[in-house]
Amino acid sequence: MRSEWQLQEAKNNLSQLIKDAANGDAQVVTVHGKPTAVVVSADAYAKLTRPRQGKLSAALLQPELAGEGLDFTRSPDTGRHVEL
């Protein structure tokens, strides 16, 4: 199993390149010796492109669904008086 292909080799051996990528081994395609493209499995691509959303951002975007321990009510406290 190789992981780097010159463009012409990639064209001639596309089936093998796809099989290797599908098995989880990212395949790099080079043009004139420079990495130009990477072929990855559909699962790896889905993981790389799915939107990431943590609990805090989800709660801020949809506070009605937050529920667990996050209080978004504003405190009536106005602070303390300071003379300047």
Protein backbone atom coordinates (compact mmCIF):
# COMPACT_ATOMS: atom_id res chain seq x y z
CA MET A 1 0.00 0.00 0.00
CA ARG A 2 1.47 3.29 -1.04
CA SER A 3 0.24 6.71 -0.02
CA GLU A 4 1.82 9.06 -2.56
CA TRP A 5 1.19 8.98 -6.29
CA GLN A 6 2.43 11.03 -9.21
CA LEU A 7 -0.52 12.26 -11.24
CA GLN A 8 0.11 9.92 -14.17
CA GLU A 9 0.45 6.93 -11.81
CA ALA A 10 -2.77 7.96 -10.08
CA LYS A 11 -4.57 8.04 -13.43
CA ASN A 12 -3.24 4.63 -14.44
CA ASN A 13 -3.99 3.04 -11.05
CA LEU A 14 -7.12 4.87 -9.99
CA SER A 15 -8.85 1.70 -8.79
CA GLN A 16 -6.00 0.86 -6.41
CA LEU A 17 -5.75 4.46 -5.21
CA ILE A 18 -9.49 4.45 -4.41
CA LYS A 19 -9.27 1.08 -2.62
CA ASP A 20 -6.37 2.32 -0.48
CA ALA A 21 -8.24 5.52 0.39
CA ALA A 22 -11.39 3.54 1.23
CA ASN A 23 -9.34 1.42 3.63
CA GLY A 24 -8.51 4.54 5.63
CA ASP A 25 -5.09 5.41 4.17
CA ALA A 26 -5.16 8.95 2.75
CA GLN A 27 -3.61 9.09 -0.72
CA VAL A 28 -1.57 12.11 -1.83
CA VAL A 29 -1.42 12.98 -5.53
CA THR A 30 1.57 15.04 -6.64
CA VAL A 31 2.14 17.21 -9.69
CA HIS A 32 5.77 17.98 -10.52
CA GLY A 33 6.75 16.57 -7.12
CA LYS A 34 4.47 18.88 -5.12
CA PRO A 35 1.49 17.54 -3.15
CA THR A 36 -1.58 18.78 -5.01
CA ALA A 37 -4.55 16.72 -3.87
CA VAL A 38 -5.47 14.21 -1.21
CA VAL A 39 -7.95 11.38 -1.72
CA VAL A 40 -9.65 10.16 1.47
CA SER A 41 -12.49 7.78 2.23
CA ALA A 42 -16.05 9.08 2.25
CA ASP A 43 -16.19 8.51 6.03
CA ALA A 44 -13.02 10.53 6.61
CA TYR A 45 -14.34 13.32 4.38
CA ALA A 46 -17.64 13.39 6.28
CA LYS A 47 -15.78 13.70 9.60
CA LEU A 48 -13.61 16.51 8.24
CA THR A 49 -16.52 18.52 6.84
CA ARG A 50 -19.24 18.07 9.45
CA PRO A 51 -20.11 21.21 11.37
CA ARG A 52 -18.66 21.22 14.83
CA GLN A 53 -20.85 22.51 17.57
CA GLY A 54 -20.08 22.36 21.24
CA LYS A 55 -22.61 22.45 24.05
CA LEU A 56 -22.16 26.15 24.69
CA SER A 57 -22.61 27.23 21.08
CA ALA A 58 -25.65 24.95 20.76
CA ALA A 59 -27.14 26.49 23.89
CA LEU A 60 -26.48 30.02 22.67
CA LEU A 61 -28.00 29.30 19.27
CA GLN A 62 -31.06 27.54 20.73
CA PRO A 63 -31.46 28.56 24.39
CA GLU A 64 -34.91 26.95 24.61
CA LEU A 65 -33.21 23.57 24.17
CA ALA A 66 -30.37 24.23 26.64
CA GLY A 67 -32.19 23.18 29.75
CA GLU A 68 -29.46 21.66 31.89
CA GLY A 69 -28.02 24.19 34.32
CA LEU A 70 -27.59 27.15 31.97
CA ASP A 71 -29.40 30.23 33.24
CA PHE A 72 -29.75 32.95 30.60
CA THR A 73 -31.75 35.36 32.76
CA ARG A 74 -30.17 38.74 33.37
CA SER A 75 -29.26 39.70 36.92
CA PRO A 76 -31.14 42.75 38.26
CA ASP A 77 -27.98 43.85 40.09
CA THR A 78 -26.72 47.12 38.64
CA GLY A 79 -23.33 46.98 40.34
CA ARG A 80 -21.98 49.44 42.85
CA HIS A 81 -21.70 53.19 42.80
CA VAL A 82 -18.16 54.46 42.25
CA GLU A 83 -17.18 58.14 42.49
CA LEU A 84 -14.82 59.30 39.79
